[in-house]
Amino acid sequence: MSQIEHALKLRQTSHPFRMEDFLQKLVFFRDLSLQTKKEFESKIQSIPVKKGERIISEEEEARGVFFVQSGVVKLTKQDVDGNEIIVCIKQSGDVFAEACLFTNTNPVYPATATGLNDGMLYFLSRAELERELYHNPELALQMIGYMSDQLREMTTTLRDVALLDVFSKTVKTLERLGRKFNQNNTRWDIEIPLSTQEFATVVGATRESVSRVFGKLKKQGIIEIKPRKIMIVDSCMLCALMQKEY
């Protein structure tokens, strides 16, 4: 029995709120009819995740797609020396493992997904989702659009990591993650749930070099560093710094 099958068997729970409300948050489900959304409700399974818990491993067969209802999930890969590199961070309303769809080869997932904190995931099997996509062109177009946006964002991130210096890509990544985690649409105290070491793996730099950049930003009153958290104290100053840099 695979890890995901074991998790589904042992930890399937009742939905803590109306599934319709959650589907409304997902960009490719948002405009579907109420009837179509209700059809999904009986097919989606819930999986509670603990902080540090591995959800799916790199090169493990992906049997379906995960939707993040609450909490934060990091997607990582390992380099040849076994060092972890964070390639993406998912939060409430995000989706991962969609790369398993529509492939005739072994649908293995190219990253490891781990919970950064306690949360809840929803899981829809690959077969169920593909069946709905085949019969619902509107949903298929929404899914394609979502995957296209994710690919565009990933390409931009990889470009920044490859071409920018440590200071520039640190500032740009802070701004990007700040927008992602700014749930209350505020200018202050935006919490990014990463340690300095984890942030360094996101930007492809050493912890020491990122710490030096963080030190400069702290002196300017832009960020604060807390245990396993990076706080953007003033996003306006961060945006102004980006405009100056670029």
Protein backbone atom coordinates (compact mmCIF):
# COMPACT_ATOMS: atom_id res chain seq x y z
CA MET A 1 0.00 0.00 0.00
CA SER A 2 1.41 3.40 -1.01
CA GLN A 3 1.83 6.29 1.41
CA ILE A 4 -1.14 8.19 0.04
CA GLU A 5 -3.38 5.10 0.08
CA HIS A 6 -2.39 4.49 3.70
CA ALA A 7 -3.14 8.11 4.60
CA LEU A 8 -6.52 8.02 2.92
CA LYS A 9 -7.48 4.77 4.63
CA LEU A 10 -6.43 5.81 8.13
CA ARG A 11 -7.21 9.51 8.19
CA GLN A 12 -10.22 10.16 5.99
CA THR A 13 -12.44 12.56 7.95
CA SER A 14 -15.72 14.33 7.52
CA HIS A 15 -15.51 17.72 5.85
CA PRO A 16 -15.28 20.50 8.50
CA PHE A 17 -17.33 22.93 6.40
CA ARG A 18 -19.29 23.02 3.18
CA MET A 19 -17.15 21.74 0.33
CA GLU A 20 -18.94 24.16 -1.96
CA ASP A 21 -17.38 27.08 -0.04
CA PHE A 22 -13.91 25.66 -0.58
CA LEU A 23 -14.42 24.91 -4.27
CA GLN A 24 -15.47 28.53 -4.69
CA LYS A 25 -11.93 29.54 -3.64
CA LEU A 26 -10.30 27.48 -6.40
CA VAL A 27 -9.85 29.45 -9.58
CA PHE A 28 -10.80 26.62 -11.95
CA PHE A 29 -13.86 25.53 -9.94
CA ARG A 30 -15.11 29.03 -9.12
CA ASP A 31 -17.29 29.55 -12.20
CA LEU A 32 -18.71 26.04 -12.44
CA SER A 33 -22.39 25.39 -11.93
CA LEU A 34 -23.69 24.48 -8.48
CA GLN A 35 -24.65 21.02 -9.75
CA THR A 36 -21.13 20.33 -11.02
CA LYS A 37 -19.60 21.47 -7.73
CA LYS A 38 -21.91 19.19 -5.79
CA GLU A 39 -20.86 16.25 -7.96
CA PHE A 40 -17.28 16.84 -6.82
CA GLU A 41 -18.18 16.95 -3.14
CA SER A 42 -18.77 13.19 -2.91
CA LYS A 43 -15.52 12.41 -4.71
CA ILE A 44 -13.08 14.60 -2.78
CA GLN A 45 -11.46 13.10 0.32
CA SER A 46 -9.95 15.05 3.21
CA ILE A 47 -6.49 14.43 4.70
CA PRO A 48 -5.25 16.21 7.85
CA VAL A 49 -1.51 16.96 7.69
CA LYS A 50 0.87 17.60 10.57
CA LYS A 51 3.82 19.98 10.54
CA GLY A 52 6.84 18.23 8.98
CA GLU A 53 4.75 15.38 7.60
CA ARG A 54 5.63 14.11 4.15
CA ILE A 55 2.61 13.97 1.85
CA ILE A 56 4.13 12.56 -1.31
CA SER A 57 7.75 11.77 -2.15
CA GLU A 58 9.75 12.68 -5.21
CA GLU A 59 9.43 9.98 -7.89
CA GLU A 60 6.48 8.39 -6.04
CA GLU A 61 3.48 7.64 -8.22
CA ALA A 62 0.97 10.49 -7.99
CA ARG A 63 -2.49 8.92 -7.81
CA GLY A 64 -4.35 12.20 -7.81
CA VAL A 65 -4.38 15.94 -7.22
CA PHE A 66 -4.15 17.72 -3.86
CA PHE A 67 -5.98 20.92 -2.93
CA VAL A 68 -4.69 22.91 0.06
CA GLN A 69 -7.63 23.85 2.29
CA SER A 70 -5.49 25.18 5.18
CA GLY A 71 -1.85 25.25 6.17
CA VAL A 72 1.24 25.58 3.97
CA VAL A 73 3.01 22.90 1.92
CA LYS A 74 6.51 23.09 0.51
CA LEU A 75 7.56 21.26 -2.66
CA THR A 76 11.21 20.27 -2.69
CA LYS A 77 13.82 18.48 -4.73
CA GLN A 78 17.22 17.14 -3.72
CA ASP A 79 20.49 17.93 -5.44
CA VAL A 80 23.22 15.35 -6.06
CA ASP A 81 24.59 15.93 -2.55
CA GLY A 82 21.22 15.34 -0.91
CA ASN A 83 20.61 19.02 -0.10
CA GLU A 84 16.98 20.12 -0.15
CA ILE A 85 15.88 22.82 -2.58
CA ILE A 86 12.45 24.40 -2.22
CA VAL A 87 10.96 24.81 -5.69
CA CYS A 88 7.47 25.97 -4.74
CA ILE A 89 5.26 26.83 -1.76
CA LYS A 90 1.53 26.10 -1.69
CA GLN A 91 -1.07 27.66 0.59
CA SER A 92 -4.85 27.67 0.96
CA GLY A 93 -6.56 27.55 -2.42
CA ASP A 94 -3.49 26.21 -4.23
CA VAL A 95 -3.17 22.87 -6.02
CA PHE A 96 -0.28 20.45 -6.45
CA ALA A 97 0.44 17.13 -8.18
CA GLU A 98 -1.54 18.27 -11.22
CA ALA A 99 1.48 17.20 -13.28
CA CYS A 100 0.19 13.62 -12.99
CA LEU A 101 -2.75 14.37 -15.29
CA PHE A 102 -3.01 13.21 -18.90
CA THR A 103 0.22 11.23 -19.07
CA ASN A 104 0.57 7.81 -20.65
CA THR A 105 3.85 7.16 -18.87
CA ASN A 106 4.30 6.37 -15.18
CA PRO A 107 2.71 9.40 -13.44
CA VAL A 108 5.46 9.98 -10.86
CA TYR A 109 5.61 13.32 -9.10
CA PRO A 110 8.81 15.34 -9.68
CA ALA A 111 9.00 16.79 -6.15
CA THR A 112 8.50 15.95 -2.48
CA ALA A 113 5.56 17.63 -0.72
CA THR A 114 5.86 18.29 3.04
CA GLY A 115 3.63 20.19 5.45
CA LEU A 116 5.25 23.36 6.81
CA ASN A 117 2.58 23.50 9.50
CA ASP A 118 -0.59 21.71 10.53
CA GLY A 119 -3.29 21.88 7.91
CA MET A 120 -5.92 20.13 5.84
CA LEU A 121 -5.67 18.85 2.27
CA TYR A 122 -8.32 17.59 -0.09
CA PHE A 123 -7.54 14.81 -2.52
CA LEU A 124 -9.22 13.92 -5.81
CA SER A 125 -8.07 10.82 -7.64
CA ARG A 126 -6.49 11.21 -11.02
CA ALA A 127 -9.11 8.98 -12.66
CA GLU A 128 -12.02 10.96 -11.22
CA LEU A 129 -10.59 14.35 -12.20
CA GLU A 130 -9.63 13.24 -15.70
CA ARG A 131 -13.11 11.83 -16.22
CA GLU A 132 -14.65 15.18 -15.26
CA LEU A 133 -12.20 17.09 -17.45
CA TYR A 134 -13.06 14.93 -20.46
CA HIS A 135 -16.79 15.57 -20.01
CA ASN A 136 -16.65 19.20 -18.90
CA PRO A 137 -14.86 21.48 -21.39
CA GLU A 138 -15.36 24.50 -19.15
CA LEU A 139 -13.51 22.82 -16.29
CA ALA A 140 -10.79 21.61 -18.66
CA LEU A 141 -10.17 25.15 -19.92
CA GLN A 142 -10.02 26.47 -16.36
CA MET A 143 -7.51 23.78 -15.42
CA ILE A 144 -5.35 24.49 -18.48
CA GLY A 145 -5.38 28.19 -17.63
CA TYR A 146 -4.32 27.46 -14.04
CA MET A 147 -1.48 25.18 -15.13
CA SER A 148 -0.34 27.78 -17.66
CA ASP A 149 -0.21 30.46 -14.95
CA GLN A 150 1.77 28.15 -12.67
CA LEU A 151 4.25 27.36 -15.44
CA ARG A 152 4.69 31.06 -16.19
CA GLU A 153 5.33 31.82 -12.51
CA MET A 154 7.80 28.95 -12.21
CA THR A 155 9.67 30.10 -15.33
CA THR A 156 9.95 33.65 -13.95
CA THR A 157 11.21 32.33 -10.62
CA LEU A 158 13.84 30.15 -12.27
CA ARG A 159 14.99 33.08 -14.39
CA ASP A 160 15.43 35.26 -11.30
CA VAL A 161 17.34 32.53 -9.45
CA ALA A 162 19.66 31.98 -12.41
CA LEU A 163 20.33 35.57 -13.46
CA LEU A 164 20.01 37.93 -10.49
CA ASP A 165 22.56 38.56 -7.74
CA VAL A 166 21.79 37.48 -4.18
CA PHE A 167 20.51 40.87 -3.03
CA SER A 168 18.19 41.35 -6.01
CA LYS A 169 16.70 37.87 -5.99
CA THR A 170 16.25 37.98 -2.20
CA VAL A 171 14.30 41.24 -2.45
CA LYS A 172 12.26 40.01 -5.40
CA THR A 173 11.43 36.70 -3.68
CA LEU A 174 10.40 38.51 -0.50
CA GLU A 175 8.03 40.66 -2.54
CA ARG A 176 6.60 37.66 -4.41
CA LEU A 177 6.07 35.59 -1.24
CA GLY A 178 4.75 38.64 0.56
CA ARG A 179 2.00 39.00 -2.04
CA LYS A 180 1.25 35.29 -1.77
CA PHE A 181 0.89 35.28 2.01
CA ASN A 182 -0.73 38.69 2.41
CA GLN A 183 -4.12 37.24 3.29
CA ASN A 184 -5.45 40.45 4.86
CA ASN A 185 -4.18 42.72 2.05
CA THR A 186 -2.21 44.81 4.51
CA ARG A 187 1.03 46.79 4.17
CA TRP A 188 2.55 45.61 7.45
CA ASP A 189 3.46 42.45 9.33
CA ILE A 190 3.13 40.00 6.45
CA GLU A 191 4.23 36.59 7.70
CA ILE A 192 6.23 34.24 5.49
CA PRO A 193 6.40 30.82 7.23
CA LEU A 194 10.02 30.02 6.34
CA SER A 195 13.27 29.93 8.27
CA THR A 196 16.30 31.78 6.86
CA GLN A 197 17.75 28.44 5.74
CA GLU A 198 14.55 27.47 3.94
CA PHE A 199 14.34 30.88 2.29
CA ALA A 200 17.93 30.49 1.10
CA THR A 201 17.00 27.26 -0.70
CA VAL A 202 14.15 29.09 -2.44
CA VAL A 203 16.48 31.71 -3.92
CA GLY A 204 19.33 29.27 -4.58
CA ALA A 205 21.88 30.92 -2.28
CA THR A 206 23.76 30.09 0.90
CA ARG A 207 22.26 30.84 4.29
CA GLU A 208 25.16 33.17 5.06
CA SER A 209 24.67 35.34 1.97
CA VAL A 210 20.90 35.59 2.54
CA SER A 211 21.49 36.45 6.21
CA ARG A 212 23.71 39.37 5.15
CA VAL A 213 20.92 40.69 2.90
CA PHE A 214 18.38 40.21 5.68
CA GLY A 215 20.66 42.18 8.01
CA LYS A 216 20.59 45.15 5.63
CA LEU A 217 16.81 44.95 5.25
CA LYS A 218 16.35 44.77 9.03
CA LYS A 219 18.40 47.94 9.49
CA GLN A 220 16.10 49.70 7.01
CA GLY A 221 13.03 48.57 8.96
CA ILE A 222 11.72 46.43 6.10
CA ILE A 223 11.74 42.97 7.72
CA GLU A 224 12.05 41.21 11.07
CA ILE A 225 13.27 37.66 11.61
CA LYS A 226 11.43 35.43 14.08
CA PRO A 227 11.73 31.69 14.82
CA ARG A 228 10.84 29.97 11.52
CA LYS A 229 9.15 33.16 10.28
CA ILE A 230 10.14 36.12 8.15
CA MET A 231 8.01 39.21 8.79
CA ILE A 232 7.71 41.92 6.16
CA VAL A 233 7.27 44.91 8.46
CA ASP A 234 6.64 47.45 5.70
CA SER A 235 5.75 46.21 2.21
CA CYS A 236 5.71 49.77 0.82
CA MET A 237 9.40 50.18 1.62
CA LEU A 238 10.10 46.79 0.06
CA CYS A 239 8.29 47.77 -3.16
CA ALA A 240 10.15 51.09 -3.23
CA LEU A 241 13.43 49.20 -2.87
CA MET A 242 12.47 46.93 -5.76
CA GLN A 243 11.70 49.90 -8.00
CA LYS A 244 15.07 51.38 -7.13
CA GLU A 245 16.81 48.12 -7.95
CA TYR A 246 14.98 47.45 -11.20
